[in-house]
Amino acid sequence: MKIAAQLYTVRDYLKTPEAMAETLRKIKAIGYNAIQVSGIGPIGDKQFKEMADREGLTICATHIPYADLTNNLDAVIERHLIWECKYVGLGGMPNEYRTSREGYVKFANEASEIGRKLKQAGLQFIYHNHNFEFAKFDGKTGMDILLEESDADAFGFEIDLYWVQAGGADPIEWIHKVKGRMKVVHLKDMAVTVEREQRFAEIGEGNMNFSRILKACEETGVEWGPVEQDRCYDLNPFECLEVSFNNLKKLSAES
């Protein structure tokens, strides 16, 4: 599995092309060789690709608004072909699908159809979860409904390990459940404060079993592991990405 930096982590430093260029330089200097594009400001597709190429950064995956997938799919396909990026990610289903089993089934069918169109262009749709997908409907979680009701060839997964844990499920079990349907995984750790507050943490600084998590990713053929930290506390986002990168190197060396 190759490691990447999820740009959502540094979203506050991506508002202008000049800021993007500086941010990509910093990410490369940490040691990352790939990025997932999310949370960037306005910029031309070719301009951004040239910027990434200049730093030697592969664009491994994205997060795209659902409205663009439903209304501007041709433009989405063109952008990913320009970026030489296979994995088209959705960061979460719209609210109207989340409250019933019927909503999950409808979304699974709609997203599968989008995924089939992307597949014709040589791309792959991937779905990123939060914790709300682990609410149950008639005894079955939303995630299980998505897994069962979607087209296995067209609907891929991008498991977010923190949010699986926050949803009361087992991240390692879910890595195995989506085997063959997940080539991108979100690497994210969870810590807890003395006040019992759950917090996002740098990889290896929280309480999740990343040695076993990384082993499960290797066993199931995951290609990319973007590091994401939704919120940083004592460190700035670049420092958080650096701690995670260095800890992942140590964990990989130990495995």
C-alpha atoms as a PDB file:
ATOM      1  CA  MET A   1       0.000   0.000   0.000  1.00  0.00           C
ATOM      2  CA  LYS A   2       1.294   3.429  -0.975  1.00  0.00           C
ATOM      3  CA  ILE A   3       0.771   6.368   1.384  1.00  0.00           C
ATOM      4  CA  ALA A   4      -0.739   9.702   0.321  1.00  0.00           C
ATOM      5  CA  ALA A   5      -1.768  12.964   1.965  1.00  0.00           C
ATOM      6  CA  GLN A   6      -5.472  13.813   1.918  1.00  0.00           C
ATOM      7  CA  LEU A   7      -5.561  17.529   1.069  1.00  0.00           C
ATOM      8  CA  TYR A   8      -8.687  18.049   3.178  1.00  0.00           C
ATOM      9  CA  THR A   9      -6.295  18.010   6.135  1.00  0.00           C
ATOM     10  CA  VAL A  10      -4.688  21.231   4.858  1.00  0.00           C
ATOM     11  CA  ARG A  11      -7.828  22.737   3.307  1.00  0.00           C
ATOM     12  CA  ASP A  12      -7.203  26.134   4.951  1.00  0.00           C
ATOM     13  CA  TYR A  13      -3.980  26.415   2.935  1.00  0.00           C
ATOM     14  CA  LEU A  14      -5.517  25.705  -0.486  1.00  0.00           C
ATOM     15  CA  LYS A  15      -7.609  28.780  -1.219  1.00  0.00           C
ATOM     16  CA  THR A  16      -5.470  30.284  -4.016  1.00  0.00           C
ATOM     17  CA  PRO A  17      -3.163  28.820  -6.677  1.00  0.00           C
ATOM     18  CA  GLU A  18      -0.169  30.376  -4.915  1.00  0.00           C
ATOM     19  CA  ALA A  19      -1.171  28.795  -1.609  1.00  0.00           C
ATOM     20  CA  MET A  20      -1.740  25.447  -3.333  1.00  0.00           C
ATOM     21  CA  ALA A  21       1.747  25.512  -4.847  1.00  0.00           C
ATOM     22  CA  GLU A  22       3.330  26.223  -1.457  1.00  0.00           C
ATOM     23  CA  THR A  23       1.222  23.554   0.240  1.00  0.00           C
ATOM     24  CA  LEU A  24       2.191  20.899  -2.309  1.00  0.00           C
ATOM     25  CA  ARG A  25       5.854  21.807  -1.811  1.00  0.00           C
ATOM     26  CA  LYS A  26       5.502  21.317   1.941  1.00  0.00           C
ATOM     27  CA  ILE A  27       3.728  17.972   1.530  1.00  0.00           C
ATOM     28  CA  LYS A  28       6.446  16.722  -0.795  1.00  0.00           C
ATOM     29  CA  ALA A  29       9.124  17.914   1.647  1.00  0.00           C
ATOM     30  CA  ILE A  30       7.555  15.804   4.407  1.00  0.00           C
ATOM     31  CA  GLY A  31       8.060  12.729   2.234  1.00  0.00           C
ATOM     32  CA  TYR A  32       4.682  12.135   0.598  1.00  0.00           C
ATOM     33  CA  ASN A  33       4.707  11.202  -3.079  1.00  0.00           C
ATOM     34  CA  ALA A  34       0.943  11.259  -3.631  1.00  0.00           C
ATOM     35  CA  ILE A  35      -2.133  13.288  -2.719  1.00  0.00           C
ATOM     36  CA  GLN A  36      -5.885  12.908  -2.613  1.00  0.00           C
ATOM     37  CA  VAL A  37      -7.572  16.049  -3.919  1.00  0.00           C
ATOM     38  CA  SER A  38     -10.300  17.479  -1.686  1.00  0.00           C
ATOM     39  CA  GLY A  39     -11.077  20.942  -0.377  1.00  0.00           C
ATOM     40  CA  ILE A  40      -9.066  22.924  -2.934  1.00  0.00           C
ATOM     41  CA  GLY A  41     -10.014  26.397  -4.128  1.00  0.00           C
ATOM     42  CA  PRO A  42     -10.664  27.436  -7.735  1.00  0.00           C
ATOM     43  CA  ILE A  43      -7.967  26.405 -10.199  1.00  0.00           C
ATOM     44  CA  GLY A  44      -7.825  24.990 -13.710  1.00  0.00           C
ATOM     45  CA  ASP A  45      -7.510  21.219 -13.999  1.00  0.00           C
ATOM     46  CA  LYS A  46      -4.414  21.384 -16.209  1.00  0.00           C
ATOM     47  CA  GLN A  47      -2.820  24.047 -13.990  1.00  0.00           C
ATOM     48  CA  PHE A  48      -3.269  21.901 -10.901  1.00  0.00           C
ATOM     49  CA  LYS A  49      -1.907  18.809 -12.660  1.00  0.00           C
ATOM     50  CA  GLU A  50       1.176  20.747 -13.744  1.00  0.00           C
ATOM     51  CA  MET A  51       1.626  21.928 -10.158  1.00  0.00           C
ATOM     52  CA  ALA A  52       1.418  18.376  -8.803  1.00  0.00           C
ATOM     53  CA  ASP A  53       3.752  17.066 -11.505  1.00  0.00           C
ATOM     54  CA  ARG A  54       6.285  19.753 -10.687  1.00  0.00           C
ATOM     55  CA  GLU A  55       6.483  18.435  -7.121  1.00  0.00           C
ATOM     56  CA  GLY A  56       6.438  14.786  -8.200  1.00  0.00           C
ATOM     57  CA  LEU A  57       3.068  14.144  -6.555  1.00  0.00           C
ATOM     58  CA  THR A  58       0.679  11.537  -7.957  1.00  0.00           C
ATOM     59  CA  ILE A  59      -3.034  12.360  -7.682  1.00  0.00           C
ATOM     60  CA  CYS A  60      -4.303   9.021  -6.424  1.00  0.00           C
ATOM     61  CA  ALA A  61      -7.944   9.840  -5.643  1.00  0.00           C
ATOM     62  CA  THR A  62     -10.437  12.672  -5.196  1.00  0.00           C
ATOM     63  CA  HIS A  63     -13.611  13.654  -3.386  1.00  0.00           C
ATOM     64  CA  ILE A  64     -16.275  15.056  -5.718  1.00  0.00           C
ATOM     65  CA  PRO A  65     -19.667  16.603  -4.747  1.00  0.00           C
ATOM     66  CA  TYR A  66     -22.629  14.349  -5.511  1.00  0.00           C
ATOM     67  CA  ALA A  67     -24.221  17.145  -7.547  1.00  0.00           C
ATOM     68  CA  ASP A  68     -21.243  17.068  -9.915  1.00  0.00           C
ATOM     69  CA  LEU A  69     -21.500  13.296 -10.243  1.00  0.00           C
ATOM     70  CA  THR A  70     -25.188  13.530 -11.117  1.00  0.00           C
ATOM     71  CA  ASN A  71     -25.201  16.728 -13.196  1.00  0.00           C
ATOM     72  CA  ASN A  72     -21.676  17.219 -14.584  1.00  0.00           C
ATOM     73  CA  LEU A  73     -20.298  13.712 -14.975  1.00  0.00           C
ATOM     74  CA  ASP A  74     -18.605  14.384 -18.310  1.00  0.00           C
ATOM     75  CA  ALA A  75     -16.598  17.217 -16.734  1.00  0.00           C
ATOM     76  CA  VAL A  76     -15.717  14.993 -13.769  1.00  0.00           C
ATOM     77  CA  ILE A  77     -14.463  12.296 -16.147  1.00  0.00           C
ATOM     78  CA  GLU A  78     -12.424  14.819 -18.139  1.00  0.00           C
ATOM     79  CA  ARG A  79     -10.834  16.199 -14.954  1.00  0.00           C
ATOM     80  CA  HIS A  80      -9.794  12.744 -13.743  1.00  0.00           C
ATOM     81  CA  LEU A  81      -8.354  11.826 -17.113  1.00  0.00           C
ATOM     82  CA  ILE A  82      -6.311  15.048 -17.115  1.00  0.00           C
ATOM     83  CA  TRP A  83      -5.143  14.286 -13.577  1.00  0.00           C
ATOM     84  CA  GLU A  84      -4.434  10.628 -14.500  1.00  0.00           C
ATOM     85  CA  CYS A  85      -6.469   9.736 -11.427  1.00  0.00           C
ATOM     86  CA  LYS A  86      -8.499   6.528 -11.450  1.00  0.00           C
ATOM     87  CA  TYR A  87     -10.427   6.780  -8.177  1.00  0.00           C
ATOM     88  CA  VAL A  88     -13.425   9.134  -8.081  1.00  0.00           C
ATOM     89  CA  GLY A  89     -14.482   9.536  -4.466  1.00  0.00           C
ATOM     90  CA  LEU A  90     -17.683  10.689  -2.808  1.00  0.00           C
ATOM     91  CA  GLY A  91     -17.218  11.949   0.738  1.00  0.00           C
ATOM     92  CA  GLY A  92     -20.727  11.012   1.902  1.00  0.00           C
ATOM     93  CA  MET A  93     -24.249  10.547   0.569  1.00  0.00           C
ATOM     94  CA  PRO A  94     -26.647  13.526   0.622  1.00  0.00           C
ATOM     95  CA  ASN A  95     -28.832  13.888   3.724  1.00  0.00           C
ATOM     96  CA  GLU A  96     -32.065  12.852   2.021  1.00  0.00           C
ATOM     97  CA  TYR A  97     -30.832   9.244   1.591  1.00  0.00           C
ATOM     98  CA  ARG A  98     -29.664   8.725   5.177  1.00  0.00           C
ATOM     99  CA  THR A  99     -32.866   8.240   7.164  1.00  0.00           C
ATOM    100  CA  SER A 100     -34.330   4.979   5.853  1.00  0.00           C
ATOM    101  CA  ARG A 101     -33.475   1.628   4.328  1.00  0.00           C
ATOM    102  CA  GLU A 102     -35.254   2.742   1.167  1.00  0.00           C
ATOM    103  CA  GLY A 103     -32.977   5.781   0.983  1.00  0.00           C
ATOM    104  CA  TYR A 104     -29.859   3.631   1.204  1.00  0.00           C
ATOM    105  CA  VAL A 105     -31.155   1.276  -1.487  1.00  0.00           C
ATOM    106  CA  LYS A 106     -32.014   4.205  -3.757  1.00  0.00           C
ATOM    107  CA  PHE A 107     -28.571   5.741  -3.270  1.00  0.00           C
ATOM    108  CA  ALA A 108     -26.837   2.389  -3.858  1.00  0.00           C
ATOM    109  CA  ASN A 109     -28.669   2.035  -7.169  1.00  0.00           C
ATOM    110  CA  GLU A 110     -28.039   5.621  -8.292  1.00  0.00           C
ATOM    111  CA  ALA A 111     -24.361   5.544  -7.342  1.00  0.00           C
ATOM    112  CA  SER A 112     -23.940   2.165  -9.042  1.00  0.00           C
ATOM    113  CA  GLU A 113     -25.239   3.644 -12.280  1.00  0.00           C
ATOM    114  CA  ILE A 114     -22.790   6.535 -11.961  1.00  0.00           C
ATOM    115  CA  GLY A 115     -20.073   3.997 -11.233  1.00  0.00           C
ATOM    116  CA  ARG A 116     -20.875   2.041 -14.380  1.00  0.00           C
ATOM    117  CA  LYS A 117     -20.485   5.203 -16.474  1.00  0.00           C
ATOM    118  CA  LEU A 118     -17.189   5.990 -14.773  1.00  0.00           C
ATOM    119  CA  LYS A 119     -16.002   2.446 -15.402  1.00  0.00           C
ATOM    120  CA  GLN A 120     -16.625   2.869 -19.130  1.00  0.00           C
ATOM    121  CA  ALA A 121     -14.117   5.739 -18.980  1.00  0.00           C
ATOM    122  CA  GLY A 122     -11.567   3.622 -17.119  1.00  0.00           C
ATOM    123  CA  LEU A 123     -12.346   5.173 -13.726  1.00  0.00           C
ATOM    124  CA  GLN A 124     -13.682   3.772 -10.428  1.00  0.00           C
ATOM    125  CA  PHE A 125     -16.301   5.222  -8.082  1.00  0.00           C
ATOM    126  CA  ILE A 126     -15.429   4.906  -4.375  1.00  0.00           C
ATOM    127  CA  TYR A 127     -17.638   5.729  -1.397  1.00  0.00           C
ATOM    128  CA  HIS A 128     -16.263   7.267   1.816  1.00  0.00           C
ATOM    129  CA  ASN A 129     -18.204   6.573   5.007  1.00  0.00           C
ATOM    130  CA  HIS A 130     -18.732   8.495   8.227  1.00  0.00           C
ATOM    131  CA  ASN A 131     -20.396   7.072  11.349  1.00  0.00           C
ATOM    132  CA  PHE A 132     -24.025   7.691  10.331  1.00  0.00           C
ATOM    133  CA  GLU A 133     -23.908   4.696   7.960  1.00  0.00           C
ATOM    134  CA  PHE A 134     -23.734   2.432  11.012  1.00  0.00           C
ATOM    135  CA  ALA A 135     -27.241   3.313  12.135  1.00  0.00           C
ATOM    136  CA  LYS A 136     -29.455   0.239  11.791  1.00  0.00           C
ATOM    137  CA  PHE A 137     -32.601  -0.172   9.737  1.00  0.00           C
ATOM    138  CA  ASP A 138     -34.580  -3.343  10.485  1.00  0.00           C
ATOM    139  CA  GLY A 139     -31.493  -4.754  12.199  1.00  0.00           C
ATOM    140  CA  LYS A 140     -29.065  -4.018   9.364  1.00  0.00           C
ATOM    141  CA  THR A 141     -26.573  -1.149   9.197  1.00  0.00           C
ATOM    142  CA  GLY A 142     -26.620   1.335   6.371  1.00  0.00           C
ATOM    143  CA  MET A 143     -23.130   0.191   5.410  1.00  0.00           C
ATOM    144  CA  ASP A 144     -24.315  -3.391   5.060  1.00  0.00           C
ATOM    145  CA  ILE A 145     -27.200  -2.207   2.903  1.00  0.00           C
ATOM    146  CA  LEU A 146     -24.779  -0.332   0.645  1.00  0.00           C
ATOM    147  CA  LEU A 147     -22.544  -3.382   0.426  1.00  0.00           C
ATOM    148  CA  GLU A 148     -25.425  -5.688  -0.503  1.00  0.00           C
ATOM    149  CA  GLU A 149     -27.480  -3.429  -2.761  1.00  0.00           C
ATOM    150  CA  SER A 150     -24.743  -1.819  -4.877  1.00  0.00           C
ATOM    151  CA  ASP A 151     -23.077  -3.154  -8.011  1.00  0.00           C
ATOM    152  CA  ALA A 152     -19.860  -4.817  -6.838  1.00  0.00           C
ATOM    153  CA  ASP A 153     -18.081  -3.967 -10.095  1.00  0.00           C
ATOM    154  CA  ALA A 154     -19.109  -0.309 -10.195  1.00  0.00           C
ATOM    155  CA  PHE A 155     -19.448   0.744  -6.550  1.00  0.00           C
ATOM    156  CA  GLY A 156     -16.176   0.704  -4.623  1.00  0.00           C
ATOM    157  CA  PHE A 157     -15.485   1.652  -1.013  1.00  0.00           C
ATOM    158  CA  GLU A 158     -13.040   4.014   0.668  1.00  0.00           C
ATOM    159  CA  ILE A 159     -13.347   2.977   4.306  1.00  0.00           C
ATOM    160  CA  ASP A 160     -12.588   5.751   6.796  1.00  0.00           C
ATOM    161  CA  LEU A 161     -11.153   3.852   9.750  1.00  0.00           C
ATOM    162  CA  TYR A 162     -11.845   6.543  12.359  1.00  0.00           C
ATOM    163  CA  TRP A 163     -15.507   6.814  11.419  1.00  0.00           C
ATOM    164  CA  VAL A 164     -15.955   3.035  11.426  1.00  0.00           C
ATOM    165  CA  GLN A 165     -14.595   3.026  14.982  1.00  0.00           C
ATOM    166  CA  ALA A 166     -16.824   5.983  15.910  1.00  0.00           C
ATOM    167  CA  GLY A 167     -19.808   4.098  14.512  1.00  0.00           C
ATOM    168  CA  GLY A 168     -19.205   1.254  16.967  1.00  0.00           C
ATOM    169  CA  ALA A 169     -17.949  -1.166  14.317  1.00  0.00           C
ATOM    170  CA  ASP A 170     -14.625  -2.979  13.854  1.00  0.00           C
ATOM    171  CA  PRO A 171     -12.346  -1.271  11.285  1.00  0.00           C
ATOM    172  CA  ILE A 172     -10.352  -4.449  10.633  1.00  0.00           C
ATOM    173  CA  GLU A 173     -13.517  -6.480  10.065  1.00  0.00           C
ATOM    174  CA  TRP A 174     -14.728  -3.876   7.586  1.00  0.00           C
ATOM    175  CA  ILE A 175     -11.448  -3.853   5.684  1.00  0.00           C
ATOM    176  CA  HIS A 176     -11.995  -7.567   5.126  1.00  0.00           C
ATOM    177  CA  LYS A 177     -15.732  -7.187   4.398  1.00  0.00           C
ATOM    178  CA  VAL A 178     -15.010  -4.943   1.416  1.00  0.00           C
ATOM    179  CA  LYS A 179     -12.114  -7.042   0.133  1.00  0.00           C
ATOM    180  CA  GLY A 180     -11.925  -6.755  -3.630  1.00  0.00           C
ATOM    181  CA  ARG A 181     -13.998  -3.568  -3.562  1.00  0.00           C
ATOM    182  CA  MET A 182     -11.571  -1.232  -1.787  1.00  0.00           C
ATOM    183  CA  LYS A 183      -8.341   0.061  -3.302  1.00  0.00           C
ATOM    184  CA  VAL A 184      -8.262   3.318  -1.297  1.00  0.00           C
ATOM    185  CA  VAL A 185      -8.531   3.509   2.505  1.00  0.00           C
ATOM    186  CA  HIS A 186      -8.548   6.562   4.782  1.00  0.00           C
ATOM    187  CA  LEU A 187      -5.878   6.225   7.449  1.00  0.00           C
ATOM    188  CA  LYS A 188      -7.017   8.096  10.541  1.00  0.00           C
ATOM    189  CA  ASP A 189      -6.481   7.501  14.265  1.00  0.00           C
ATOM    190  CA  MET A 190      -8.662   8.151  17.306  1.00  0.00           C
ATOM    191  CA  ALA A 191      -7.590   9.374  20.742  1.00  0.00           C
ATOM    192  CA  VAL A 192      -9.605  10.124  23.874  1.00  0.00           C
ATOM    193  CA  THR A 193      -9.085  12.922  26.409  1.00  0.00           C
ATOM    194  CA  VAL A 194      -9.429  12.697  30.188  1.00  0.00           C
ATOM    195  CA  GLU A 195     -12.845  14.343  29.688  1.00  0.00           C
ATOM    196  CA  ARG A 196     -13.770  11.323  27.489  1.00  0.00           C
ATOM    197  CA  GLU A 197     -13.849  13.391  24.314  1.00  0.00           C
ATOM    198  CA  GLN A 198     -13.051  11.450  21.152  1.00  0.00           C
ATOM    199  CA  ARG A 199     -10.486  13.264  19.044  1.00  0.00           C
ATOM    200  CA  PHE A 200      -8.812  12.881  15.678  1.00  0.00           C
ATOM    201  CA  ALA A 201      -5.184  11.919  16.179  1.00  0.00           C
ATOM    202  CA  GLU A 202      -2.014  11.517  14.163  1.00  0.00           C
ATOM    203  CA  ILE A 203      -1.469   7.921  13.052  1.00  0.00           C
ATOM    204  CA  GLY A 204       0.166   6.020  15.903  1.00  0.00           C
ATOM    205  CA  GLU A 205      -0.675   8.667  18.489  1.00  0.00           C
ATOM    206  CA  GLY A 206      -4.203   7.413  19.132  1.00  0.00           C
ATOM    207  CA  ASN A 207      -5.603   4.121  20.365  1.00  0.00           C
ATOM    208  CA  MET A 208      -6.452   2.261  17.164  1.00  0.00           C
ATOM    209  CA  ASN A 209      -4.490  -0.892  16.352  1.00  0.00           C
ATOM    210  CA  PHE A 210      -2.612   0.318  13.302  1.00  0.00           C
ATOM    211  CA  SER A 211      -0.237  -2.638  13.145  1.00  0.00           C
ATOM    212  CA  ARG A 212      -3.202  -4.940  12.526  1.00  0.00           C
ATOM    213  CA  ILE A 213      -4.958  -2.348  10.367  1.00  0.00           C
ATOM    214  CA  LEU A 214      -1.974  -2.082   8.012  1.00  0.00           C
ATOM    215  CA  LYS A 215      -1.685  -5.861   7.883  1.00  0.00           C
ATOM    216  CA  ALA A 216      -5.380  -6.131   6.946  1.00  0.00           C
ATOM    217  CA  CYS A 217      -4.903  -3.554   4.189  1.00  0.00           C
ATOM    218  CA  GLU A 218      -1.997  -5.536   2.772  1.00  0.00           C
ATOM    219  CA  GLU A 219      -3.949  -8.799   2.994  1.00  0.00           C
ATOM    220  CA  THR A 220      -6.896  -7.351   1.081  1.00  0.00           C
ATOM    221  CA  GLY A 221      -4.929  -5.615  -1.680  1.00  0.00           C
ATOM    222  CA  VAL A 222      -5.471  -1.958  -0.821  1.00  0.00           C
ATOM    223  CA  GLU A 223      -3.436   0.223  -3.196  1.00  0.00           C
ATOM    224  CA  TRP A 224      -3.556   3.650  -1.548  1.00  0.00           C
ATOM    225  CA  GLY A 225      -3.700   4.890   2.040  1.00  0.00           C
ATOM    226  CA  PRO A 226      -4.353   8.640   2.176  1.00  0.00           C
ATOM    227  CA  VAL A 227      -3.658  10.117   5.617  1.00  0.00           C
ATOM    228  CA  GLU A 228      -6.431  12.417   6.791  1.00  0.00           C
ATOM    229  CA  GLN A 229      -6.918  14.391   9.990  1.00  0.00           C
ATOM    230  CA  ASP A 230     -10.194  16.317  10.036  1.00  0.00           C
ATOM    231  CA  ARG A 231      -9.098  18.542  12.904  1.00  0.00           C
ATOM    232  CA  CYS A 232      -5.706  19.280  14.431  1.00  0.00           C
ATOM    233  CA  TYR A 233      -5.300  20.328  18.047  1.00  0.00           C
ATOM    234  CA  ASP A 234      -1.788  20.897  19.427  1.00  0.00           C
ATOM    235  CA  LEU A 235       0.023  20.818  16.069  1.00  0.00           C
ATOM    236  CA  ASN A 236      -0.616  22.549  12.760  1.00  0.00           C
ATOM    237  CA  PRO A 237      -1.923  20.383   9.868  1.00  0.00           C
ATOM    238  CA  PHE A 238       1.490  20.026   8.227  1.00  0.00           C
ATOM    239  CA  GLU A 239       3.034  18.886  11.508  1.00  0.00           C
ATOM    240  CA  CYS A 240       0.182  16.401  11.929  1.00  0.00           C
ATOM    241  CA  LEU A 241       0.814  14.981   8.457  1.00  0.00           C
ATOM    242  CA  GLU A 242       4.511  14.707   9.262  1.00  0.00           C
ATOM    243  CA  VAL A 243       3.956  12.839  12.550  1.00  0.00           C
ATOM    244  CA  SER A 244       1.577  10.441  10.796  1.00  0.00           C
ATOM    245  CA  PHE A 245       4.028   9.895   7.926  1.00  0.00           C
ATOM    246  CA  ASN A 246       6.944   9.149  10.244  1.00  0.00           C
ATOM    247  CA  ASN A 247       4.879   6.837  12.445  1.00  0.00           C
ATOM    248  CA  LEU A 248       3.630   4.948   9.394  1.00  0.00           C
ATOM    249  CA  LYS A 249       7.233   4.429   8.281  1.00  0.00           C
ATOM    250  CA  LYS A 250       8.059   2.987  11.705  1.00  0.00           C
ATOM    251  CA  LEU A 251       4.975   0.744  11.691  1.00  0.00           C
ATOM    252  CA  SER A 252       5.811  -0.527   8.211  1.00  0.00           C
ATOM    253  CA  ALA A 253       9.387  -1.270   9.236  1.00  0.00           C
ATOM    254  CA  GLU A 254       8.158  -3.241  12.252  1.00  0.00           C
ATOM    255  CA  SER A 255       5.656  -5.335  10.316  1.00  0.00           C
END
